[in-house]
PDB file of N, CA and C in Angstrom:
ATOM      1  N   UNK A   1      12.476  13.781 -17.954  1.00  0.00           N
ATOM      2  CA  UNK A   1      12.421  13.712 -16.507  1.00  0.00           C
ATOM      3  C   UNK A   1      11.909  12.338 -16.078  1.00  0.00           C
ATOM      4  N   UNK A   2      12.550  11.747 -15.080  1.00  0.00           N
ATOM      5  CA  UNK A   2      12.140  10.441 -14.584  1.00  0.00           C
ATOM      6  C   UNK A   2      10.877  10.558 -13.742  1.00  0.00           C
ATOM      7  N   UNK A   3       9.971   9.630 -13.977  1.00  0.00           N
ATOM      8  CA  UNK A   3       8.755   9.585 -13.176  1.00  0.00           C
ATOM      9  C   UNK A   3       9.059   8.908 -11.849  1.00  0.00           C
ATOM     10  N   UNK A   4       8.436   9.363 -10.749  1.00  0.00           N
ATOM     11  CA  UNK A   4       8.622   8.663  -9.473  1.00  0.00           C
ATOM     12  C   UNK A   4       8.027   7.260  -9.571  1.00  0.00           C
ATOM     13  N   UNK A   5       8.606   6.320  -8.831  1.00  0.00           N
ATOM     14  CA  UNK A   5       8.120   4.937  -8.846  1.00  0.00           C
ATOM     15  C   UNK A   5       7.422   4.625  -7.528  1.00  0.00           C
ATOM     16  N   UNK A   6       6.315   3.892  -7.625  1.00  0.00           N
ATOM     17  CA  UNK A   6       5.598   3.451  -6.434  1.00  0.00           C
ATOM     18  C   UNK A   6       5.213   1.989  -6.592  1.00  0.00           C
ATOM     19  N   UNK A   7       4.784   1.392  -5.486  1.00  0.00           N
ATOM     20  CA  UNK A   7       4.201   0.057  -5.486  1.00  0.00           C
ATOM     21  C   UNK A   7       2.712   0.237  -5.218  1.00  0.00           C
ATOM     22  N   UNK A   8       1.872  -0.311  -6.089  1.00  0.00           N
ATOM     23  CA  UNK A   8       0.429  -0.238  -5.930  1.00  0.00           C
ATOM     24  C   UNK A   8      -0.054  -1.538  -5.310  1.00  0.00           C
ATOM     25  N   UNK A   9      -0.643  -1.439  -4.123  1.00  0.00           N
ATOM     26  CA  UNK A   9      -1.226  -2.582  -3.437  1.00  0.00           C
ATOM     27  C   UNK A   9      -2.730  -2.427  -3.535  1.00  0.00           C
ATOM     28  N   UNK A  10      -3.396  -3.373  -4.182  1.00  0.00           N
ATOM     29  CA  UNK A  10      -4.824  -3.212  -4.457  1.00  0.00           C
ATOM     30  C   UNK A  10      -5.525  -4.558  -4.510  1.00  0.00           C
ATOM     31  N   UNK A  11      -6.837  -4.488  -4.622  1.00  0.00           N
ATOM     32  CA  UNK A  11      -7.660  -5.672  -4.809  1.00  0.00           C
ATOM     33  C   UNK A  11      -8.173  -5.698  -6.236  1.00  0.00           C
ATOM     34  N   UNK A  12      -8.749  -6.830  -6.621  1.00  0.00           N
ATOM     35  CA  UNK A  12      -9.311  -6.953  -7.961  1.00  0.00           C
ATOM     36  C   UNK A  12     -10.536  -6.057  -8.070  1.00  0.00           C
ATOM     37  N   UNK A  13     -10.691  -5.431  -9.219  1.00  0.00           N
ATOM     38  CA  UNK A  13     -11.906  -4.654  -9.423  1.00  0.00           C
ATOM     39  C   UNK A  13     -11.715  -3.519 -10.392  1.00  0.00           C
ATOM     40  N   UNK A  14     -12.826  -2.949 -10.788  1.00  0.00           N
ATOM     41  CA  UNK A  14     -12.815  -1.853 -11.753  1.00  0.00           C
ATOM     42  C   UNK A  14     -12.099  -0.623 -11.207  1.00  0.00           C
ATOM     43  N   UNK A  15     -12.284  -0.343  -9.910  1.00  0.00           N
ATOM     44  CA  UNK A  15     -11.645   0.840  -9.335  1.00  0.00           C
ATOM     45  C   UNK A  15     -10.122   0.739  -9.391  1.00  0.00           C
ATOM     46  N   UNK A  16      -9.576  -0.467  -9.234  1.00  0.00           N
ATOM     47  CA  UNK A  16      -8.130  -0.666  -9.345  1.00  0.00           C
ATOM     48  C   UNK A  16      -7.658  -0.322 -10.748  1.00  0.00           C
ATOM     49  N   UNK A  17      -8.393  -0.773 -11.746  1.00  0.00           N
ATOM     50  CA  UNK A  17      -8.034  -0.473 -13.134  1.00  0.00           C
ATOM     51  C   UNK A  17      -8.061   1.031 -13.400  1.00  0.00           C
ATOM     52  N   UNK A  18      -9.076   1.706 -12.878  1.00  0.00           N
ATOM     53  CA  UNK A  18      -9.202   3.153 -13.075  1.00  0.00           C
ATOM     54  C   UNK A  18      -8.029   3.883 -12.424  1.00  0.00           C
ATOM     55  N   UNK A  19      -7.733   3.527 -11.185  1.00  0.00           N
ATOM     56  CA  UNK A  19      -6.631   4.178 -10.464  1.00  0.00           C
ATOM     57  C   UNK A  19      -5.303   3.910 -11.161  1.00  0.00           C
ATOM     58  N   UNK A  20      -5.078   2.654 -11.556  1.00  0.00           N
ATOM     59  CA  UNK A  20      -3.826   2.293 -12.227  1.00  0.00           C
ATOM     60  C   UNK A  20      -3.616   3.126 -13.486  1.00  0.00           C
ATOM     61  N   UNK A  21      -4.618   3.173 -14.347  1.00  0.00           N
ATOM     62  CA  UNK A  21      -4.461   3.889 -15.619  1.00  0.00           C
ATOM     63  C   UNK A  21      -4.351   5.398 -15.437  1.00  0.00           C
ATOM     64  N   UNK A  22      -5.007   5.932 -14.425  1.00  0.00           N
ATOM     65  CA  UNK A  22      -4.889   7.368 -14.150  1.00  0.00           C
ATOM     66  C   UNK A  22      -3.488   7.699 -13.620  1.00  0.00           C
ATOM     67  N   UNK A  23      -2.992   6.896 -12.704  1.00  0.00           N
ATOM     68  CA  UNK A  23      -1.660   7.143 -12.143  1.00  0.00           C
ATOM     69  C   UNK A  23      -0.562   6.907 -13.174  1.00  0.00           C
ATOM     70  N   UNK A  24      -0.779   5.989 -14.088  1.00  0.00           N
ATOM     71  CA  UNK A  24       0.217   5.651 -15.095  1.00  0.00           C
ATOM     72  C   UNK A  24       0.627   6.862 -15.929  1.00  0.00           C
ATOM     73  N   UNK A  25      -0.262   7.834 -16.037  1.00  0.00           N
ATOM     74  CA  UNK A  25       0.053   9.051 -16.781  1.00  0.00           C
ATOM     75  C   UNK A  25       1.094   9.909 -16.058  1.00  0.00           C
ATOM     76  N   UNK A  26       1.210   9.731 -14.746  1.00  0.00           N
ATOM     77  CA  UNK A  26       2.047  10.613 -13.935  1.00  0.00           C
ATOM     78  C   UNK A  26       3.222   9.928 -13.249  1.00  0.00           C
ATOM     79  N   UNK A  27       3.147   8.624 -13.049  1.00  0.00           N
ATOM     80  CA  UNK A  27       4.188   7.909 -12.312  1.00  0.00           C
ATOM     81  C   UNK A  27       4.509   6.596 -12.997  1.00  0.00           C
ATOM     82  N   UNK A  28       5.583   5.962 -12.546  1.00  0.00           N
ATOM     83  CA  UNK A  28       5.944   4.617 -12.990  1.00  0.00           C
ATOM     84  C   UNK A  28       5.677   3.657 -11.824  1.00  0.00           C
ATOM     85  N   UNK A  29       5.404   2.428 -12.142  1.00  0.00           N
ATOM     86  CA  UNK A  29       5.155   1.441 -11.103  1.00  0.00           C
ATOM     87  C   UNK A  29       6.357   0.527 -10.943  1.00  0.00           C
ATOM     88  N   UNK A  30       6.852   0.424  -9.705  1.00  0.00           N
ATOM     89  CA  UNK A  30       7.901  -0.533  -9.393  1.00  0.00           C
ATOM     90  C   UNK A  30       7.289  -1.930  -9.367  1.00  0.00           C
ATOM     91  N   UNK A  31       6.036  -2.007  -8.903  1.00  0.00           N
ATOM     92  CA  UNK A  31       5.306  -3.277  -8.856  1.00  0.00           C
ATOM     93  C   UNK A  31       3.829  -2.979  -8.629  1.00  0.00           C
ATOM     94  N   UNK A  32       3.004  -3.917  -9.041  1.00  0.00           N
ATOM     95  CA  UNK A  32       1.568  -3.869  -8.744  1.00  0.00           C
ATOM     96  C   UNK A  32       1.222  -5.193  -8.081  1.00  0.00           C
ATOM     97  N   UNK A  33       0.696  -5.123  -6.871  1.00  0.00           N
ATOM     98  CA  UNK A  33       0.344  -6.323  -6.112  1.00  0.00           C
ATOM     99  C   UNK A  33      -1.173  -6.360  -5.972  1.00  0.00           C
ATOM    100  N   UNK A  34      -1.778  -7.425  -6.492  1.00  0.00           N
ATOM    101  CA  UNK A  34      -3.219  -7.617  -6.393  1.00  0.00           C
ATOM    102  C   UNK A  34      -3.461  -8.693  -5.337  1.00  0.00           C
ATOM    103  N   UNK A  35      -4.183  -8.329  -4.267  1.00  0.00           N
ATOM    104  CA  UNK A  35      -4.451  -9.263  -3.179  1.00  0.00           C
ATOM    105  C   UNK A  35      -5.934  -9.584  -3.103  1.00  0.00           C
ATOM    106  N   UNK A  36      -6.211 -10.721  -2.519  1.00  0.00           N
ATOM    107  CA  UNK A  36      -7.583 -11.098  -2.207  1.00  0.00           C
ATOM    108  C   UNK A  36      -8.024 -10.296  -0.976  1.00  0.00           C
ATOM    109  N   UNK A  37      -9.313 -10.017  -0.850  1.00  0.00           N
ATOM    110  CA  UNK A  37      -9.793  -9.295   0.330  1.00  0.00           C
ATOM    111  C   UNK A  37      -9.485 -10.063   1.620  1.00  0.00           C
ATOM    112  N   UNK A  38      -9.214  -9.330   2.691  1.00  0.00           N
ATOM    113  CA  UNK A  38      -8.973  -9.944   4.000  1.00  0.00           C
ATOM    114  C   UNK A  38     -10.007  -9.413   4.985  1.00  0.00           C
ATOM    115  N   UNK A  39     -10.317 -10.228   5.981  1.00  0.00           N
ATOM    116  CA  UNK A  39     -11.266  -9.742   6.981  1.00  0.00           C
ATOM    117  C   UNK A  39     -10.577  -8.748   7.914  1.00  0.00           C
ATOM    118  N   UNK A  40     -11.355  -8.054   8.701  1.00  0.00           N
ATOM    119  CA  UNK A  40     -10.844  -6.960   9.534  1.00  0.00           C
ATOM    120  C   UNK A  40      -9.764  -7.436  10.513  1.00  0.00           C
ATOM    121  N   UNK A  41      -9.948  -8.602  11.117  1.00  0.00           N
ATOM    122  CA  UNK A  41      -8.970  -9.124  12.079  1.00  0.00           C
ATOM    123  C   UNK A  41      -7.628  -9.384  11.396  1.00  0.00           C
ATOM    124  N   UNK A  42      -7.660 -10.046  10.235  1.00  0.00           N
ATOM    125  CA  UNK A  42      -6.417 -10.331   9.513  1.00  0.00           C
ATOM    126  C   UNK A  42      -5.740  -9.058   9.041  1.00  0.00           C
ATOM    127  N   UNK A  43      -6.535  -8.057   8.648  1.00  0.00           N
ATOM    128  CA  UNK A  43      -5.975  -6.782   8.221  1.00  0.00           C
ATOM    129  C   UNK A  43      -5.222  -6.112   9.365  1.00  0.00           C
ATOM    130  N   UNK A  44      -5.817  -6.108  10.551  1.00  0.00           N
ATOM    131  CA  UNK A  44      -5.157  -5.495  11.706  1.00  0.00           C
ATOM    132  C   UNK A  44      -3.860  -6.218  12.049  1.00  0.00           C
ATOM    133  N   UNK A  45      -3.870  -7.555  11.985  1.00  0.00           N
ATOM    134  CA  UNK A  45      -2.662  -8.327  12.281  1.00  0.00           C
ATOM    135  C   UNK A  45      -1.572  -8.048  11.247  1.00  0.00           C
ATOM    136  N   UNK A  46      -1.958  -7.995   9.972  1.00  0.00           N
ATOM    137  CA  UNK A  46      -0.994  -7.731   8.912  1.00  0.00           C
ATOM    138  C   UNK A  46      -0.401  -6.335   9.064  1.00  0.00           C
ATOM    139  N   UNK A  47      -1.243  -5.352   9.366  1.00  0.00           N
ATOM    140  CA  UNK A  47      -0.790  -3.982   9.556  1.00  0.00           C
ATOM    141  C   UNK A  47       0.179  -3.898  10.739  1.00  0.00           C
ATOM    142  N   UNK A  48      -0.121  -4.616  11.802  1.00  0.00           N
ATOM    143  CA  UNK A  48       0.749  -4.610  12.978  1.00  0.00           C
ATOM    144  C   UNK A  48       2.123  -5.176  12.626  1.00  0.00           C
ATOM    145  N   UNK A  49       2.163  -6.268  11.835  1.00  0.00           N
ATOM    146  CA  UNK A  49       3.440  -6.869  11.438  1.00  0.00           C
ATOM    147  C   UNK A  49       4.257  -5.897  10.595  1.00  0.00           C
ATOM    148  N   UNK A  50       3.594  -5.194   9.691  1.00  0.00           N
ATOM    149  CA  UNK A  50       4.299  -4.228   8.844  1.00  0.00           C
ATOM    150  C   UNK A  50       4.868  -3.103   9.700  1.00  0.00           C
ATOM    151  N   UNK A  51       4.072  -2.592  10.625  1.00  0.00           N
ATOM    152  CA  UNK A  51       4.537  -1.498  11.493  1.00  0.00           C
ATOM    153  C   UNK A  51       5.727  -1.944  12.330  1.00  0.00           C
ATOM    154  N   UNK A  52       5.667  -3.164  12.894  1.00  0.00           N
ATOM    155  CA  UNK A  52       6.786  -3.661  13.699  1.00  0.00           C
ATOM    156  C   UNK A  52       8.037  -3.834  12.857  1.00  0.00           C
ATOM    157  N   UNK A  53       7.874  -4.298  11.624  1.00  0.00           N
ATOM    158  CA  UNK A  53       9.039  -4.534  10.778  1.00  0.00           C
ATOM    159  C   UNK A  53       9.722  -3.232  10.390  1.00  0.00           C
ATOM    160  N   UNK A  54       8.986  -2.128  10.399  1.00  0.00           N
ATOM    161  CA  UNK A  54       9.566  -0.826  10.082  1.00  0.00           C
ATOM    162  C   UNK A  54      10.020  -0.091  11.337  1.00  0.00           C
ATOM    163  N   UNK A  55       9.865  -0.705  12.503  1.00  0.00           N
ATOM    164  CA  UNK A  55      10.274  -0.065  13.745  1.00  0.00           C
ATOM    165  C   UNK A  55       9.237   0.887  14.302  1.00  0.00           C
ATOM    166  N   UNK A  56       8.007   0.794  13.846  1.00  0.00           N
ATOM    167  CA  UNK A  56       6.937   1.655  14.352  1.00  0.00           C
ATOM    168  C   UNK A  56       6.124   0.873  15.375  1.00  0.00           C
ATOM    169  N   UNK A  57       6.119   1.347  16.577  1.00  0.00           N
ATOM    170  CA  UNK A  57       5.388   0.678  17.641  1.00  0.00           C
ATOM    171  C   UNK A  57       4.026   1.339  17.794  1.00  0.00           C
ATOM    172  N   UNK A  58       2.981   0.564  18.061  1.00  0.00           N
ATOM    173  CA  UNK A  58       1.620   1.092  18.117  1.00  0.00           C
ATOM    174  C   UNK A  58       1.422   2.287  19.049  1.00  0.00           C
ATOM    175  N   UNK A  59       2.124   2.346  20.175  1.00  0.00           N
ATOM    176  CA  UNK A  59       1.920   3.429  21.132  1.00  0.00           C
ATOM    177  C   UNK A  59       2.912   4.571  20.959  1.00  0.00           C
ATOM    178  N   UNK A  60       3.761   4.491  19.955  1.00  0.00           N
ATOM    179  CA  UNK A  60       4.785   5.506  19.735  1.00  0.00           C
ATOM    180  C   UNK A  60       4.321   6.510  18.688  1.00  0.00           C
ATOM    181  N   UNK A  61       3.652   7.584  19.115  1.00  0.00           N
ATOM    182  CA  UNK A  61       3.116   8.559  18.178  1.00  0.00           C
ATOM    183  C   UNK A  61       4.210   9.436  17.585  1.00  0.00           C
ATOM    184  N   UNK A  62       5.382   9.451  18.179  1.00  0.00           N
ATOM    185  CA  UNK A  62       6.463  10.282  17.646  1.00  0.00           C
ATOM    186  C   UNK A  62       7.092   9.657  16.401  1.00  0.00           C
ATOM    187  N   UNK A  63       6.831   8.383  16.164  1.00  0.00           N
ATOM    188  CA  UNK A  63       7.453   7.683  15.034  1.00  0.00           C
ATOM    189  C   UNK A  63       6.371   6.985  14.221  1.00  0.00           C
ATOM    190  N   UNK A  64       5.412   7.747  13.680  1.00  0.00           N
ATOM    191  CA  UNK A  64       4.306   7.142  12.957  1.00  0.00           C
ATOM    192  C   UNK A  64       4.620   6.908  11.495  1.00  0.00           C
ATOM    193  N   UNK A  65       5.684   7.515  10.984  1.00  0.00           N
ATOM    194  CA  UNK A  65       6.037   7.333   9.592  1.00  0.00           C
ATOM    195  C   UNK A  65       5.228   8.187   8.637  1.00  0.00           C
ATOM    196  N   UNK A  66       4.421   9.071   9.170  1.00  0.00           N
ATOM    197  CA  UNK A  66       3.594   9.931   8.312  1.00  0.00           C
ATOM    198  C   UNK A  66       4.228  11.285   8.144  1.00  0.00           C
TER     199      UNK A  66
END
């Protein structure tokens, strides 16, 4: 049976290693992206860009993607 594939977006650290190795038993990784920490303002801006690129508008609760 094929394992589902995901992309892991994480920061450097022991917890990333733990999560990666635990998930590896159950899934395959399409990619693992390790990023440097960002401050709260940059995180909000980045999240907004991702939401806009997927067609999710901040005030549109009917299309949250969840």
